[in-house]
Amino acid sequence: MSAAFIGPGPAKSVFQVHGVDAHGKVGVTKRLRRDTVLAFFANLPACVVGLEACAGLTLPRQTGPGATSVMRPL
């Protein structure tokens, strides 16, 4: 799975994740439970992740150093 841009939609218990490649073609569409979100992103190649500016924006700070993806608030 290769995605250049990923946009997770935060929710209380389920995240809807959409990703497109550099050409705009859909590469990822998944529903993730809250407890599987970090594992999902840890296994992705480096990409741009767009996050809604909300309480979920603290998530990248909790993952620690070594993250290769770029987080951008929307």
PDB file of N, CA and C in Angstrom:
ATOM      1  N   MET A   1       0.851  -1.164   0.000  1.00  0.00           N
ATOM      2  CA  MET A   1       0.000   0.000   0.000  1.00  0.00           C
ATOM      3  C   MET A   1       0.902   1.234   0.000  1.00  0.00           C
ATOM      4  N   SER A   2       0.701   2.116  -0.968  1.00  0.00           N
ATOM      5  CA  SER A   2       1.518   3.320  -1.082  1.00  0.00           C
ATOM      6  C   SER A   2       0.609   4.539  -1.166  1.00  0.00           C
ATOM      7  N   ALA A   3       0.732   5.423  -0.216  1.00  0.00           N
ATOM      8  CA  ALA A   3      -0.076   6.643  -0.212  1.00  0.00           C
ATOM      9  C   ALA A   3       0.830   7.829   0.043  1.00  0.00           C
ATOM     10  N   ALA A   4       0.610   8.896  -0.701  1.00  0.00           N
ATOM     11  CA  ALA A   4       1.390  10.114  -0.507  1.00  0.00           C
ATOM     12  C   ALA A   4       0.708  11.026   0.511  1.00  0.00           C
ATOM     13  N   PHE A   5      -0.631  10.993   0.535  1.00  0.00           N
ATOM     14  CA  PHE A   5      -1.414  11.839   1.434  1.00  0.00           C
ATOM     15  C   PHE A   5      -2.469  10.985   2.126  1.00  0.00           C
ATOM     16  N   ILE A   6      -2.565  11.129   3.448  1.00  0.00           N
ATOM     17  CA  ILE A   6      -3.539  10.376   4.242  1.00  0.00           C
ATOM     18  C   ILE A   6      -4.358  11.368   5.061  1.00  0.00           C
ATOM     19  N   GLY A   7      -5.660  11.137   5.132  1.00  0.00           N
ATOM     20  CA  GLY A   7      -6.522  11.971   5.953  1.00  0.00           C
ATOM     21  C   GLY A   7      -7.385  11.124   6.851  1.00  0.00           C
ATOM     22  N   PRO A   8      -7.042  11.039   8.142  1.00  0.00           N
ATOM     23  CA  PRO A   8      -7.897  10.298   9.063  1.00  0.00           C
ATOM     24  C   PRO A   8      -9.021  11.181   9.604  1.00  0.00           C
ATOM     25  N   GLY A   9     -10.216  10.642   9.694  1.00  0.00           N
ATOM     26  CA  GLY A   9     -11.338  11.344  10.293  1.00  0.00           C
ATOM     27  C   GLY A   9     -11.505  10.883  11.721  1.00  0.00           C
ATOM     28  N   PRO A  10     -11.205  11.730  12.711  1.00  0.00           N
ATOM     29  CA  PRO A  10     -11.275  11.301  14.104  1.00  0.00           C
ATOM     30  C   PRO A  10     -12.707  11.086  14.577  1.00  0.00           C
ATOM     31  N   ALA A  11     -12.864  10.139  15.463  1.00  0.00           N
ATOM     32  CA  ALA A  11     -14.157   9.838  16.058  1.00  0.00           C
ATOM     33  C   ALA A  11     -13.910   9.244  17.440  1.00  0.00           C
ATOM     34  N   LYS A  12     -14.986   8.951  18.138  1.00  0.00           N
ATOM     35  CA  LYS A  12     -14.824   8.412  19.491  1.00  0.00           C
ATOM     36  C   LYS A  12     -14.226   7.020  19.485  1.00  0.00           C
ATOM     37  N   SER A  13     -14.700   6.142  18.607  1.00  0.00           N
ATOM     38  CA  SER A  13     -14.209   4.770  18.657  1.00  0.00           C
ATOM     39  C   SER A  13     -13.703   4.239  17.321  1.00  0.00           C
ATOM     40  N   VAL A  14     -14.061   4.877  16.200  1.00  0.00           N
ATOM     41  CA  VAL A  14     -13.653   4.395  14.876  1.00  0.00           C
ATOM     42  C   VAL A  14     -13.128   5.565  14.052  1.00  0.00           C
ATOM     43  N   PHE A  15     -11.983   5.351  13.370  1.00  0.00           N
ATOM     44  CA  PHE A  15     -11.422   6.344  12.460  1.00  0.00           C
ATOM     45  C   PHE A  15     -11.656   5.875  11.034  1.00  0.00           C
ATOM     46  N   GLN A  16     -12.051   6.772  10.165  1.00  0.00           N
ATOM     47  CA  GLN A  16     -12.147   6.472   8.745  1.00  0.00           C
ATOM     48  C   GLN A  16     -10.916   7.090   8.102  1.00  0.00           C
ATOM     49  N   VAL A  17     -10.087   6.283   7.437  1.00  0.00           N
ATOM     50  CA  VAL A  17      -8.831   6.748   6.856  1.00  0.00           C
ATOM     51  C   VAL A  17      -8.915   6.674   5.341  1.00  0.00           C
ATOM     52  N   HIS A  18      -8.567   7.778   4.682  1.00  0.00           N
ATOM     53  CA  HIS A  18      -8.531   7.829   3.220  1.00  0.00           C
ATOM     54  C   HIS A  18      -7.142   8.270   2.795  1.00  0.00           C
ATOM     55  N   GLY A  19      -6.577   7.601   1.800  1.00  0.00           N
ATOM     56  CA  GLY A  19      -5.260   7.966   1.312  1.00  0.00           C
ATOM     57  C   GLY A  19      -5.215   7.950  -0.200  1.00  0.00           C
ATOM     58  N   VAL A  20      -4.467   8.884  -0.774  1.00  0.00           N
ATOM     59  CA  VAL A  20      -4.286   8.944  -2.227  1.00  0.00           C
ATOM     60  C   VAL A  20      -2.798   8.959  -2.539  1.00  0.00           C
ATOM     61  N   ASP A  21      -2.456   8.489  -3.745  1.00  0.00           N
ATOM     62  CA  ASP A  21      -1.057   8.518  -4.151  1.00  0.00           C
ATOM     63  C   ASP A  21      -0.719   9.881  -4.757  1.00  0.00           C
ATOM     64  N   ALA A  22       0.479  10.034  -5.270  1.00  0.00           N
ATOM     65  CA  ALA A  22       0.944  11.313  -5.813  1.00  0.00           C
ATOM     66  C   ALA A  22       0.139  11.765  -7.023  1.00  0.00           C
ATOM     67  N   HIS A  23      -0.573  10.840  -7.667  1.00  0.00           N
ATOM     68  CA  HIS A  23      -1.381  11.172  -8.842  1.00  0.00           C
ATOM     69  C   HIS A  23      -2.848  11.409  -8.505  1.00  0.00           C
ATOM     70  N   GLY A  24      -3.194  11.327  -7.218  1.00  0.00           N
ATOM     71  CA  GLY A  24      -4.566  11.553  -6.780  1.00  0.00           C
ATOM     72  C   GLY A  24      -5.448  10.321  -6.837  1.00  0.00           C
ATOM     73  N   LYS A  25      -4.877   9.189  -7.128  1.00  0.00           N
ATOM     74  CA  LYS A  25      -5.632   7.942  -7.204  1.00  0.00           C
ATOM     75  C   LYS A  25      -5.784   7.350  -5.799  1.00  0.00           C
ATOM     76  N   VAL A  26      -6.991   6.937  -5.449  1.00  0.00           N
ATOM     77  CA  VAL A  26      -7.263   6.394  -4.113  1.00  0.00           C
ATOM     78  C   VAL A  26      -6.466   5.111  -3.908  1.00  0.00           C
ATOM     79  N   GLY A  27      -5.718   5.064  -2.811  1.00  0.00           N
ATOM     80  CA  GLY A  27      -4.910   3.892  -2.510  1.00  0.00           C
ATOM     81  C   GLY A  27      -5.314   3.215  -1.216  1.00  0.00           C
ATOM     82  N   VAL A  28      -5.918   3.980  -0.294  1.00  0.00           N
ATOM     83  CA  VAL A  28      -6.289   3.449   1.018  1.00  0.00           C
ATOM     84  C   VAL A  28      -7.657   3.979   1.413  1.00  0.00           C
ATOM     85  N   THR A  29      -8.526   3.102   1.823  1.00  0.00           N
ATOM     86  CA  THR A  29      -9.792   3.459   2.459  1.00  0.00           C
ATOM     87  C   THR A  29     -10.034   2.401   3.524  1.00  0.00           C
ATOM     88  N   LYS A  30      -9.917   2.800   4.777  1.00  0.00           N
ATOM     89  CA  LYS A  30     -10.044   1.834   5.875  1.00  0.00           C
ATOM     90  C   LYS A  30     -10.807   2.421   7.041  1.00  0.00           C
ATOM     91  N   ARG A  31     -11.448   1.545   7.773  1.00  0.00           N
ATOM     92  CA  ARG A  31     -12.036   1.878   9.073  1.00  0.00           C
ATOM     93  C   ARG A  31     -11.148   1.251  10.124  1.00  0.00           C
ATOM     94  N   LEU A  32     -10.718   2.070  11.073  1.00  0.00           N
ATOM     95  CA  LEU A  32      -9.821   1.577  12.109  1.00  0.00           C
ATOM     96  C   LEU A  32     -10.398   1.845  13.487  1.00  0.00           C
ATOM     97  N   ARG A  33     -10.323   0.836  14.352  1.00  0.00           N
ATOM     98  CA  ARG A  33     -10.676   1.065  15.747  1.00  0.00           C
ATOM     99  C   ARG A  33      -9.579   1.909  16.378  1.00  0.00           C
ATOM    100  N   ARG A  34      -9.932   2.645  17.401  1.00  0.00           N
ATOM    101  CA  ARG A  34      -8.985   3.559  18.049  1.00  0.00           C
ATOM    102  C   ARG A  34      -7.700   2.839  18.486  1.00  0.00           C
ATOM    103  N   ASP A  35      -7.810   1.607  18.942  1.00  0.00           N
ATOM    104  CA  ASP A  35      -6.622   0.895  19.436  1.00  0.00           C
ATOM    105  C   ASP A  35      -5.704   0.388  18.319  1.00  0.00           C
ATOM    106  N   THR A  36      -6.104   0.494  17.047  1.00  0.00           N
ATOM    107  CA  THR A  36      -5.269   0.025  15.941  1.00  0.00           C
ATOM    108  C   THR A  36      -4.679   1.167  15.104  1.00  0.00           C
ATOM    109  N   VAL A  37      -5.018   2.418  15.428  1.00  0.00           N
ATOM    110  CA  VAL A  37      -4.588   3.563  14.617  1.00  0.00           C
ATOM    111  C   VAL A  37      -3.069   3.714  14.603  1.00  0.00           C
ATOM    112  N   LEU A  38      -2.425   3.699  15.756  1.00  0.00           N
ATOM    113  CA  LEU A  38      -0.973   3.887  15.801  1.00  0.00           C
ATOM    114  C   LEU A  38      -0.234   2.776  15.066  1.00  0.00           C
ATOM    115  N   ALA A  39      -0.680   1.542  15.213  1.00  0.00           N
ATOM    116  CA  ALA A  39      -0.045   0.426  14.514  1.00  0.00           C
ATOM    117  C   ALA A  39      -0.193   0.577  13.006  1.00  0.00           C
ATOM    118  N   PHE A  40      -1.356   1.046  12.551  1.00  0.00           N
ATOM    119  CA  PHE A  40      -1.580   1.259  11.119  1.00  0.00           C
ATOM    120  C   PHE A  40      -0.588   2.271  10.562  1.00  0.00           C
ATOM    121  N   PHE A  41      -0.450   3.438  11.225  1.00  0.00           N
ATOM    122  CA  PHE A  41       0.451   4.471  10.731  1.00  0.00           C
ATOM    123  C   PHE A  41       1.919   4.081  10.880  1.00  0.00           C
ATOM    124  N   ALA A  42       2.245   3.275  11.859  1.00  0.00           N
ATOM    125  CA  ALA A  42       3.631   2.831  12.037  1.00  0.00           C
ATOM    126  C   ALA A  42       4.091   1.949  10.884  1.00  0.00           C
ATOM    127  N   ASN A  43       3.154   1.270  10.232  1.00  0.00           N
ATOM    128  CA  ASN A  43       3.495   0.364   9.137  1.00  0.00           C
ATOM    129  C   ASN A  43       3.396   1.002   7.757  1.00  0.00           C
ATOM    130  N   LEU A  44       3.062   2.283   7.682  1.00  0.00           N
ATOM    131  CA  LEU A  44       2.983   2.976   6.392  1.00  0.00           C
ATOM    132  C   LEU A  44       4.331   3.570   6.006  1.00  0.00           C
ATOM    133  N   PRO A  45       4.615   3.656   4.712  1.00  0.00           N
ATOM    134  CA  PRO A  45       5.797   4.416   4.299  1.00  0.00           C
ATOM    135  C   PRO A  45       5.562   5.903   4.589  1.00  0.00           C
ATOM    136  N   ALA A  46       6.622   6.697   4.571  1.00  0.00           N
ATOM    137  CA  ALA A  46       6.512   8.129   4.857  1.00  0.00           C
ATOM    138  C   ALA A  46       5.489   8.780   3.922  1.00  0.00           C
ATOM    139  N   CYS A  47       4.640   9.658   4.497  1.00  0.00           N
ATOM    140  CA  CYS A  47       3.614  10.350   3.730  1.00  0.00           C
ATOM    141  C   CYS A  47       3.194  11.609   4.489  1.00  0.00           C
ATOM    142  N   VAL A  48       2.334  12.409   3.879  1.00  0.00           N
ATOM    143  CA  VAL A  48       1.779  13.588   4.537  1.00  0.00           C
ATOM    144  C   VAL A  48       0.447  13.179   5.149  1.00  0.00           C
ATOM    145  N   VAL A  49       0.269  13.491   6.438  1.00  0.00           N
ATOM    146  CA  VAL A  49      -0.964  13.157   7.139  1.00  0.00           C
ATOM    147  C   VAL A  49      -1.661  14.455   7.521  1.00  0.00           C
ATOM    148  N   GLY A  50      -2.858  14.673   7.016  1.00  0.00           N
ATOM    149  CA  GLY A  50      -3.633  15.861   7.353  1.00  0.00           C
ATOM    150  C   GLY A  50      -4.576  15.554   8.498  1.00  0.00           C
ATOM    151  N   LEU A  51      -4.502  16.337   9.568  1.00  0.00           N
ATOM    152  CA  LEU A  51      -5.338  16.119  10.752  1.00  0.00           C
ATOM    153  C   LEU A  51      -6.246  17.310  10.995  1.00  0.00           C
ATOM    154  N   GLU A  52      -7.466  17.043  11.428  1.00  0.00           N
ATOM    155  CA  GLU A  52      -8.353  18.127  11.840  1.00  0.00           C
ATOM    156  C   GLU A  52      -7.782  18.779  13.085  1.00  0.00           C
ATOM    157  N   ALA A  53      -7.883  20.089  13.180  1.00  0.00           N
ATOM    158  CA  ALA A  53      -7.377  20.809  14.354  1.00  0.00           C
ATOM    159  C   ALA A  53      -8.363  20.619  15.506  1.00  0.00           C
ATOM    160  N   CYS A  54      -8.131  19.561  16.290  1.00  0.00           N
ATOM    161  CA  CYS A  54      -9.018  19.228  17.409  1.00  0.00           C
ATOM    162  C   CYS A  54      -8.192  18.488  18.460  1.00  0.00           C
ATOM    163  N   ALA A  55      -8.838  17.874  19.408  1.00  0.00           N
ATOM    164  CA  ALA A  55      -8.140  17.159  20.476  1.00  0.00           C
ATOM    165  C   ALA A  55      -7.275  16.032  19.924  1.00  0.00           C
ATOM    166  N   GLY A  56      -7.629  15.466  18.780  1.00  0.00           N
ATOM    167  CA  GLY A  56      -6.840  14.400  18.171  1.00  0.00           C
ATOM    168  C   GLY A  56      -5.490  14.857  17.679  1.00  0.00           C
ATOM    169  N   LEU A  57      -5.271  16.166  17.624  1.00  0.00           N
ATOM    170  CA  LEU A  57      -4.002  16.700  17.145  1.00  0.00           C
ATOM    171  C   LEU A  57      -2.862  16.397  18.103  1.00  0.00           C
ATOM    172  N   THR A  58      -3.149  16.017  19.328  1.00  0.00           N
ATOM    173  CA  THR A  58      -2.090  15.660  20.278  1.00  0.00           C
ATOM    174  C   THR A  58      -1.516  14.281  19.978  1.00  0.00           C
ATOM    175  N   LEU A  59      -2.163  13.499  19.156  1.00  0.00           N
ATOM    176  CA  LEU A  59      -1.727  12.138  18.854  1.00  0.00           C
ATOM    177  C   LEU A  59      -0.286  12.055  18.351  1.00  0.00           C
ATOM    178  N   PRO A  60       0.172  12.885  17.382  1.00  0.00           N
ATOM    179  CA  PRO A  60       1.556  12.756  16.913  1.00  0.00           C
ATOM    180  C   PRO A  60       2.580  12.990  18.012  1.00  0.00           C
ATOM    181  N   ARG A  61       2.299  13.850  18.967  1.00  0.00           N
ATOM    182  CA  ARG A  61       3.243  14.103  20.045  1.00  0.00           C
ATOM    183  C   ARG A  61       3.370  12.896  20.962  1.00  0.00           C
ATOM    184  N   GLN A  62       2.359  12.062  21.001  1.00  0.00           N
ATOM    185  CA  GLN A  62       2.376  10.904  21.882  1.00  0.00           C
ATOM    186  C   GLN A  62       3.108   9.716  21.269  1.00  0.00           C
ATOM    187  N   THR A  63       3.423   9.777  19.971  1.00  0.00           N
ATOM    188  CA  THR A  63       4.036   8.626  19.321  1.00  0.00           C
ATOM    189  C   THR A  63       5.537   8.572  19.515  1.00  0.00           C
ATOM    190  N   GLY A  64       6.172   9.688  19.909  1.00  0.00           N
ATOM    191  CA  GLY A  64       7.603   9.693  20.182  1.00  0.00           C
ATOM    192  C   GLY A  64       8.428   9.967  18.953  1.00  0.00           C
ATOM    193  N   PRO A  65       9.755   9.999  19.109  1.00  0.00           N
ATOM    194  CA  PRO A  65      10.650  10.308  17.999  1.00  0.00           C
ATOM    195  C   PRO A  65      10.731   9.161  16.996  1.00  0.00           C
ATOM    196  N   GLY A  66      11.207   9.457  15.807  1.00  0.00           N
ATOM    197  CA  GLY A  66      11.381   8.422  14.797  1.00  0.00           C
ATOM    198  C   GLY A  66      10.263   8.369  13.781  1.00  0.00           C
ATOM    199  N   ALA A  67       9.236   9.176  13.945  1.00  0.00           N
ATOM    200  CA  ALA A  67       8.146   9.184  12.969  1.00  0.00           C
ATOM    201  C   ALA A  67       8.645   9.796  11.668  1.00  0.00           C
ATOM    202  N   THR A  68       8.326   9.167  10.540  1.00  0.00           N
ATOM    203  CA  THR A  68       8.808   9.664   9.252  1.00  0.00           C
ATOM    204  C   THR A  68       7.747  10.432   8.484  1.00  0.00           C
ATOM    205  N   SER A  69       6.512  10.382   8.907  1.00  0.00           N
ATOM    206  CA  SER A  69       5.441  11.089   8.218  1.00  0.00           C
ATOM    207  C   SER A  69       5.375  12.535   8.692  1.00  0.00           C
ATOM    208  N   VAL A  70       4.848  13.399   7.847  1.00  0.00           N
ATOM    209  CA  VAL A  70       4.678  14.809   8.166  1.00  0.00           C
ATOM    210  C   VAL A  70       3.232  15.028   8.578  1.00  0.00           C
ATOM    211  N   MET A  71       2.993  15.597   9.767  1.00  0.00           N
ATOM    212  CA  MET A  71       1.640  15.880  10.241  1.00  0.00           C
ATOM    213  C   MET A  71       1.302  17.332   9.946  1.00  0.00           C
ATOM    214  N   ARG A  72       0.161  17.568   9.317  1.00  0.00           N
ATOM    215  CA  ARG A  72      -0.273  18.926   9.010  1.00  0.00           C
ATOM    216  C   ARG A  72      -1.705  19.132   9.483  1.00  0.00           C
ATOM    217  N   PRO A  73      -1.904  20.097  10.402  1.00  0.00           N
ATOM    218  CA  PRO A  73      -3.286  20.393  10.823  1.00  0.00           C
ATOM    219  C   PRO A  73      -4.057  21.072   9.713  1.00  0.00           C
ATOM    220  N   LEU A  74      -5.337  20.742   9.575  1.00  0.00           N
ATOM    221  CA  LEU A  74      -6.188  21.341   8.538  1.00  0.00           C
ATOM    222  C   LEU A  74      -7.114  22.366   9.153  1.00  0.00           C
TER     223      LEU A  74
END
